[in-house]
């Protein structure tokens, strides 16, 4: 069985340009960052540490635990090195394993071929040592192995997350163009909002931004909502340790929240979806939902932020139709949101100019492959 206390390199991935927000979370958990990348970072830790990272990180995609680093010039060398790894210590011979990869090697035209080589090496080794072999396929709900292979450098990891951490499990109903949970959590972090202040989210859609704000307000790790992770299928996984950690994290949450979280949308179906998602996340009692035009959103007295994610023409709407919307957002900020910080998340920089206000910050983020900005306005 795997030694869950043994330390190695842990590579934590995130969307491009979100590393500063991931770093902040990782350091708040007590870890030292060894190396930072455009879309992730590295720390030193154990598989036990991976449990906490998976449950607590809101801006990460995956937590990879390094098993082996080596040189491989081609697929045959890759197989030769991989078959020497004691896979029988990590993967149940009657279990199930899947392989994912990032490959840039001149000898490989098809990444599936390289992934098949990894699967073959794992199965060959386990059958050689135990007389049985695990099943394999593309399902990420069991043991997952990740191969990073660039030029001649290869690194093999246990993917302790399995499915991306961004899949919290609370989004039971989507609306038009839903925002990924990881991005929503990053927007909440990037804003000047502090729990205890008001968080106002007009044009809330399926509620992802408001829900992530509510989870932060309660200090409730989003990972607690999801029942399954890749780490649970690694040999040596201690169910008692896992349950104890989950219990500790549940009790460290806040029960009270002084501010208000308001989420509005003109589309009744969007609000219905948002309410169902909030209920699944266990924060429906904290968010005040209302069907209304964004200009009719209540702006309570006191410190807080107004965060908006209007359409920007990539997937819904057209530029000509949206220009007046962005102008109206600027008017709404000026006329109704004095004393707050205003935020507009958009991937259309021409439309952003129509807001007509001077930005305090233009924070670079990506929505999948779309380059975006989180525009910050100090509203007087």
Foldseek 3Di string as FASTA:
>chain_A
DDDQFDKDKKKWFFAFQLQVVQVVQCVVVPWDWPATDRTTTITMGGNLVVLVCLQFGQQTWFIWGWDDKDFDQELVSVLVVLLPRQLVQWAPLAAEEEEEEDEDHPHDPDVVVSRVSNQVSSQVNNCVVPVGHYHYDHQQQEWYKYWYYHYGIIIITTTFFRGTSQPLPLQPDFFPPDFGLSVLLSLLVVDPDDFQAEEEEEQCFLNSNLLSNLCVNFQQGSNLLDDTTHSCNTPPDDPVSSVVVSVVSVVVTHPDTNYAYEYEYQDPVRQVSNLSSSVSSVRNVRYHYDRDHSLPDDDDDDEEEYEYEDAADPRDDHPVVCLVVLLVQLVSLAPPVARYKYKYKYLHPVSNVSSVADFPDWRWDDRVPGIITITIDHYD
